[in-house]
PDB file of N, CA and C in Angstrom:
ATOM      1  N   MET A   1       0.825  -1.180   0.000  1.00  0.00           N
ATOM      2  CA  MET A   1       0.000   0.000   0.000  1.00  0.00           C
ATOM      3  C   MET A   1       0.877   1.253   0.000  1.00  0.00           C
ATOM      4  N   LEU A   2       1.980   1.181   0.696  1.00  0.00           N
ATOM      5  CA  LEU A   2       2.872   2.341   0.678  1.00  0.00           C
ATOM      6  C   LEU A   2       3.486   2.537  -0.700  1.00  0.00           C
ATOM      7  N   GLY A   3       3.572   1.466  -1.468  1.00  0.00           N
ATOM      8  CA  GLY A   3       4.046   1.580  -2.843  1.00  0.00           C
ATOM      9  C   GLY A   3       3.130   2.464  -3.682  1.00  0.00           C
ATOM     10  N   TRP A   4       1.827   2.340  -3.456  1.00  0.00           N
ATOM     11  CA  TRP A   4       0.868   3.197  -4.162  1.00  0.00           C
ATOM     12  C   TRP A   4       1.046   4.656  -3.744  1.00  0.00           C
ATOM     13  N   ALA A   5       1.286   4.891  -2.463  1.00  0.00           N
ATOM     14  CA  ALA A   5       1.480   6.265  -1.989  1.00  0.00           C
ATOM     15  C   ALA A   5       2.726   6.882  -2.631  1.00  0.00           C
ATOM     16  N   VAL A   6       3.788   6.106  -2.726  1.00  0.00           N
ATOM     17  CA  VAL A   6       5.012   6.606  -3.358  1.00  0.00           C
ATOM     18  C   VAL A   6       4.773   6.865  -4.842  1.00  0.00           C
ATOM     19  N   THR A   7       4.005   5.991  -5.494  1.00  0.00           N
ATOM     20  CA  THR A   7       3.689   6.186  -6.914  1.00  0.00           C
ATOM     21  C   THR A   7       2.937   7.488  -7.129  1.00  0.00           C
ATOM     22  N   PHE A   8       1.919   7.744  -6.316  1.00  0.00           N
ATOM     23  CA  PHE A   8       1.167   8.990  -6.452  1.00  0.00           C
ATOM     24  C   PHE A   8       2.027  10.202  -6.125  1.00  0.00           C
ATOM     25  N   LEU A   9       2.948  10.053  -5.184  1.00  0.00           N
ATOM     26  CA  LEU A   9       3.853  11.153  -4.858  1.00  0.00           C
ATOM     27  C   LEU A   9       4.753  11.482  -6.039  1.00  0.00           C
ATOM     28  N   VAL A  10       5.276  10.460  -6.686  1.00  0.00           N
ATOM     29  CA  VAL A  10       6.125  10.688  -7.856  1.00  0.00           C
ATOM     30  C   VAL A  10       5.326  11.327  -8.988  1.00  0.00           C
ATOM     31  N   ILE A  11       4.105  10.857  -9.203  1.00  0.00           N
ATOM     32  CA  ILE A  11       3.244  11.464 -10.226  1.00  0.00           C
ATOM     33  C   ILE A  11       3.000  12.930  -9.903  1.00  0.00           C
ATOM     34  N   ALA A  12       2.746  13.231  -8.629  1.00  0.00           N
ATOM     35  CA  ALA A  12       2.502  14.616  -8.232  1.00  0.00           C
ATOM     36  C   ALA A  12       3.728  15.490  -8.470  1.00  0.00           C
ATOM     37  N   LEU A  13       4.903  14.969  -8.140  1.00  0.00           N
ATOM     38  CA  LEU A  13       6.127  15.756  -8.339  1.00  0.00           C
ATOM     39  C   LEU A  13       6.393  16.006  -9.821  1.00  0.00           C
ATOM     40  N   ILE A  14       6.206  14.997 -10.648  1.00  0.00           N
ATOM     41  CA  ILE A  14       6.421  15.175 -12.084  1.00  0.00           C
ATOM     42  C   ILE A  14       5.403  16.148 -12.659  1.00  0.00           C
ATOM     43  N   ALA A  15       4.144  16.030 -12.253  1.00  0.00           N
ATOM     44  CA  ALA A  15       3.114  16.939 -12.741  1.00  0.00           C
ATOM     45  C   ALA A  15       3.389  18.369 -12.297  1.00  0.00           C
ATOM     46  N   ALA A  16       3.893  18.542 -11.085  1.00  0.00           N
ATOM     47  CA  ALA A  16       4.199  19.885 -10.598  1.00  0.00           C
ATOM     48  C   ALA A  16       5.343  20.508 -11.387  1.00  0.00           C
ATOM     49  N   VAL A  17       6.353  19.708 -11.698  1.00  0.00           N
ATOM     50  CA  VAL A  17       7.483  20.220 -12.478  1.00  0.00           C
ATOM     51  C   VAL A  17       7.031  20.614 -13.876  1.00  0.00           C
ATOM     52  N   LEU A  18       6.105  19.839 -14.451  1.00  0.00           N
ATOM     53  CA  LEU A  18       5.624  20.122 -15.797  1.00  0.00           C
ATOM     54  C   LEU A  18       4.545  21.209 -15.839  1.00  0.00           C
ATOM     55  N   GLY A  19       4.071  21.641 -14.680  1.00  0.00           N
ATOM     56  CA  GLY A  19       3.123  22.749 -14.625  1.00  0.00           C
ATOM     57  C   GLY A  19       1.664  22.345 -14.572  1.00  0.00           C
ATOM     58  N   PHE A  20       1.381  21.098 -14.330  1.00  0.00           N
ATOM     59  CA  PHE A  20      -0.007  20.645 -14.224  1.00  0.00           C
ATOM     60  C   PHE A  20      -0.426  20.699 -12.759  1.00  0.00           C
ATOM     61  N   GLY A  21      -0.854  21.858 -12.316  1.00  0.00           N
ATOM     62  CA  GLY A  21      -1.167  22.067 -10.901  1.00  0.00           C
ATOM     63  C   GLY A  21      -2.331  21.247 -10.409  1.00  0.00           C
ATOM     64  N   GLY A  22      -3.377  21.116 -11.226  1.00  0.00           N
ATOM     65  CA  GLY A  22      -4.554  20.352 -10.804  1.00  0.00           C
ATOM     66  C   GLY A  22      -4.238  18.888 -10.625  1.00  0.00           C
ATOM     67  N   VAL A  23      -3.512  18.324 -11.570  1.00  0.00           N
ATOM     68  CA  VAL A  23      -3.136  16.915 -11.485  1.00  0.00           C
ATOM     69  C   VAL A  23      -2.199  16.702 -10.304  1.00  0.00           C
ATOM     70  N   ALA A  24      -1.270  17.635 -10.106  1.00  0.00           N
ATOM     71  CA  ALA A  24      -0.321  17.510  -9.002  1.00  0.00           C
ATOM     72  C   ALA A  24      -1.042  17.545  -7.657  1.00  0.00           C
ATOM     73  N   GLY A  25      -2.001  18.447  -7.518  1.00  0.00           N
ATOM     74  CA  GLY A  25      -2.745  18.545  -6.262  1.00  0.00           C
ATOM     75  C   GLY A  25      -3.566  17.303  -5.979  1.00  0.00           C
ATOM     76  N   THR A  26      -4.212  16.787  -7.019  1.00  0.00           N
ATOM     77  CA  THR A  26      -5.023  15.583  -6.858  1.00  0.00           C
ATOM     78  C   THR A  26      -4.159  14.380  -6.503  1.00  0.00           C
ATOM     79  N   ALA A  27      -3.042  14.235  -7.186  1.00  0.00           N
ATOM     80  CA  ALA A  27      -2.159  13.106  -6.894  1.00  0.00           C
ATOM     81  C   ALA A  27      -1.560  13.219  -5.493  1.00  0.00           C
ATOM     82  N   MET A  28      -1.241  14.427  -5.064  1.00  0.00           N
ATOM     83  CA  MET A  28      -0.687  14.620  -3.723  1.00  0.00           C
ATOM     84  C   MET A  28      -1.725  14.279  -2.656  1.00  0.00           C
ATOM     85  N   GLU A  29      -2.968  14.672  -2.866  1.00  0.00           N
ATOM     86  CA  GLU A  29      -4.017  14.328  -1.906  1.00  0.00           C
ATOM     87  C   GLU A  29      -4.232  12.823  -1.853  1.00  0.00           C
ATOM     88  N   ALA A  30      -4.209  12.166  -3.005  1.00  0.00           N
ATOM     89  CA  ALA A  30      -4.364  10.711  -3.027  1.00  0.00           C
ATOM     90  C   ALA A  30      -3.204  10.042  -2.287  1.00  0.00           C
ATOM     91  N   ALA A  31      -1.998  10.549  -2.489  1.00  0.00           N
ATOM     92  CA  ALA A  31      -0.837   9.979  -1.802  1.00  0.00           C
ATOM     93  C   ALA A  31      -0.962  10.145  -0.292  1.00  0.00           C
ATOM     94  N   LYS A  32      -1.422  11.306   0.148  1.00  0.00           N
ATOM     95  CA  LYS A  32      -1.578  11.525   1.590  1.00  0.00           C
ATOM     96  C   LYS A  32      -2.633  10.603   2.185  1.00  0.00           C
ATOM     97  N   ILE A  33      -3.755  10.464   1.499  1.00  0.00           N
ATOM     98  CA  ILE A  33      -4.836   9.615   2.011  1.00  0.00           C
ATOM     99  C   ILE A  33      -4.377   8.169   2.096  1.00  0.00           C
ATOM    100  N   ILE A  34      -3.737   7.680   1.041  1.00  0.00           N
ATOM    101  CA  ILE A  34      -3.271   6.297   1.040  1.00  0.00           C
ATOM    102  C   ILE A  34      -2.223   6.076   2.123  1.00  0.00           C
ATOM    103  N   CYS A  35      -1.348   7.041   2.325  1.00  0.00           N
ATOM    104  CA  CYS A  35      -0.321   6.920   3.365  1.00  0.00           C
ATOM    105  C   CYS A  35      -0.958   6.870   4.755  1.00  0.00           C
ATOM    106  N   PHE A  36      -1.943   7.722   5.018  1.00  0.00           N
ATOM    107  CA  PHE A  36      -2.610   7.716   6.312  1.00  0.00           C
ATOM    108  C   PHE A  36      -3.365   6.409   6.546  1.00  0.00           C
ATOM    109  N   VAL A  37      -3.994   5.883   5.495  1.00  0.00           N
ATOM    110  CA  VAL A  37      -4.704   4.612   5.620  1.00  0.00           C
ATOM    111  C   VAL A  37      -3.715   3.491   5.930  1.00  0.00           C
ATOM    112  N   ALA A  38      -2.570   3.490   5.270  1.00  0.00           N
ATOM    113  CA  ALA A  38      -1.562   2.459   5.510  1.00  0.00           C
ATOM    114  C   ALA A  38      -1.043   2.528   6.944  1.00  0.00           C
ATOM    115  N   VAL A  39      -0.782   3.722   7.428  1.00  0.00           N
ATOM    116  CA  VAL A  39      -0.293   3.879   8.804  1.00  0.00           C
ATOM    117  C   VAL A  39      -1.361   3.444   9.804  1.00  0.00           C
ATOM    118  N   ALA A  40      -2.621   3.816   9.538  1.00  0.00           N
ATOM    119  CA  ALA A  40      -3.711   3.428  10.436  1.00  0.00           C
ATOM    120  C   ALA A  40      -3.871   1.911  10.471  1.00  0.00           C
ATOM    121  N   LEU A  41      -3.813   1.256   9.307  1.00  0.00           N
ATOM    122  CA  LEU A  41      -3.925  -0.201   9.282  1.00  0.00           C
ATOM    123  C   LEU A  41      -2.761  -0.866   9.997  1.00  0.00           C
ATOM    124  N   PHE A  42      -1.563  -0.310   9.854  1.00  0.00           N
ATOM    125  CA  PHE A  42      -0.412  -0.858  10.564  1.00  0.00           C
ATOM    126  C   PHE A  42      -0.603  -0.745  12.072  1.00  0.00           C
ATOM    127  N   LEU A  43      -1.047   0.424  12.541  1.00  0.00           N
ATOM    128  CA  LEU A  43      -1.236   0.613  13.979  1.00  0.00           C
ATOM    129  C   LEU A  43      -2.321  -0.303  14.532  1.00  0.00           C
ATOM    130  N   ILE A  44      -3.414  -0.459  13.799  1.00  0.00           N
ATOM    131  CA  ILE A  44      -4.479  -1.355  14.233  1.00  0.00           C
ATOM    132  C   ILE A  44      -3.958  -2.784  14.312  1.00  0.00           C
ATOM    133  N   SER A  45      -3.191  -3.190  13.306  1.00  0.00           N
ATOM    134  CA  SER A  45      -2.627  -4.542  13.294  1.00  0.00           C
ATOM    135  C   SER A  45      -1.658  -4.743  14.454  1.00  0.00           C
ATOM    136  N   ALA A  46      -0.835  -3.734  14.729  1.00  0.00           N
ATOM    137  CA  ALA A  46       0.128  -3.845  15.823  1.00  0.00           C
ATOM    138  C   ALA A  46      -0.575  -3.941  17.176  1.00  0.00           C
ATOM    139  N   VAL A  47      -1.601  -3.139  17.382  1.00  0.00           N
ATOM    140  CA  VAL A  47      -2.335  -3.161  18.645  1.00  0.00           C
ATOM    141  C   VAL A  47      -3.066  -4.487  18.813  1.00  0.00           C
ATOM    142  N   MET A  48      -3.713  -4.955  17.741  1.00  0.00           N
ATOM    143  CA  MET A  48      -4.427  -6.223  17.843  1.00  0.00           C
ATOM    144  C   MET A  48      -3.471  -7.382  18.100  1.00  0.00           C
ATOM    145  N   GLY A  49      -2.304  -7.348  17.486  1.00  0.00           N
ATOM    146  CA  GLY A  49      -1.315  -8.393  17.739  1.00  0.00           C
ATOM    147  C   GLY A  49      -0.798  -8.363  19.166  1.00  0.00           C
ATOM    148  N   ALA A  50      -0.625  -7.164  19.711  1.00  0.00           N
ATOM    149  CA  ALA A  50      -0.140  -7.041  21.091  1.00  0.00           C
ATOM    150  C   ALA A  50      -1.212  -7.463  22.093  1.00  0.00           C
ATOM    151  N   VAL A  51      -2.459  -7.109  21.821  1.00  0.00           N
ATOM    152  CA  VAL A  51      -3.546  -7.449  22.748  1.00  0.00           C
ATOM    153  C   VAL A  51      -3.839  -8.940  22.703  1.00  0.00           C
ATOM    154  N   ARG A  52      -3.901  -9.493  21.511  1.00  0.00           N
ATOM    155  CA  ARG A  52      -4.236 -10.907  21.370  1.00  0.00           C
ATOM    156  C   ARG A  52      -3.091 -11.793  21.815  1.00  0.00           C
ATOM    157  N   GLY A  53      -1.888 -11.369  21.543  1.00  0.00           N
ATOM    158  CA  GLY A  53      -0.729 -12.156  21.934  1.00  0.00           C
ATOM    159  C   GLY A  53      -0.581 -13.398  21.069  1.00  0.00           C
ATOM    160  N   ARG A  54       0.500 -14.045  21.236  1.00  0.00           N
ATOM    161  CA  ARG A  54       0.780 -15.265  20.472  1.00  0.00           C
ATOM    162  C   ARG A  54       1.127 -16.376  21.464  1.00  0.00           C
ATOM    163  N   ALA A  55       0.575 -17.543  21.228  1.00  0.00           N
ATOM    164  CA  ALA A  55       0.907 -18.694  22.072  1.00  0.00           C
ATOM    165  C   ALA A  55       2.272 -19.205  21.664  1.00  0.00           C
ATOM    166  N   PRO A  56       3.133 -19.477  22.628  1.00  0.00           N
ATOM    167  CA  PRO A  56       4.465 -19.974  22.274  1.00  0.00           C
ATOM    168  C   PRO A  56       4.378 -21.357  21.650  1.00  0.00           C
ATOM    169  N   ARG A  57       5.162 -21.559  20.603  1.00  0.00           N
ATOM    170  CA  ARG A  57       5.208 -22.865  19.945  1.00  0.00           C
ATOM    171  C   ARG A  57       6.197 -23.762  20.669  1.00  0.00           C
ATOM    172  N   LEU A  58       5.807 -24.995  20.852  1.00  0.00           N
ATOM    173  CA  LEU A  58       6.684 -25.954  21.537  1.00  0.00           C
ATOM    174  C   LEU A  58       7.215 -26.975  20.590  1.00  0.00           C
TER     175      LEU A  58
END
């Protein structure tokens, strides 16, 4: 998922350099949203893993 955020960031940077402000803004917003979703999913997964715990394998 972070790969998608980096892809949109690169698209935004290239569009900004070429002067396409609307495309750059849209791609930057998409990159931010995807990045926040990825971080939120990671934190939820980390908390659930810590709360649930893992049974030791013998």
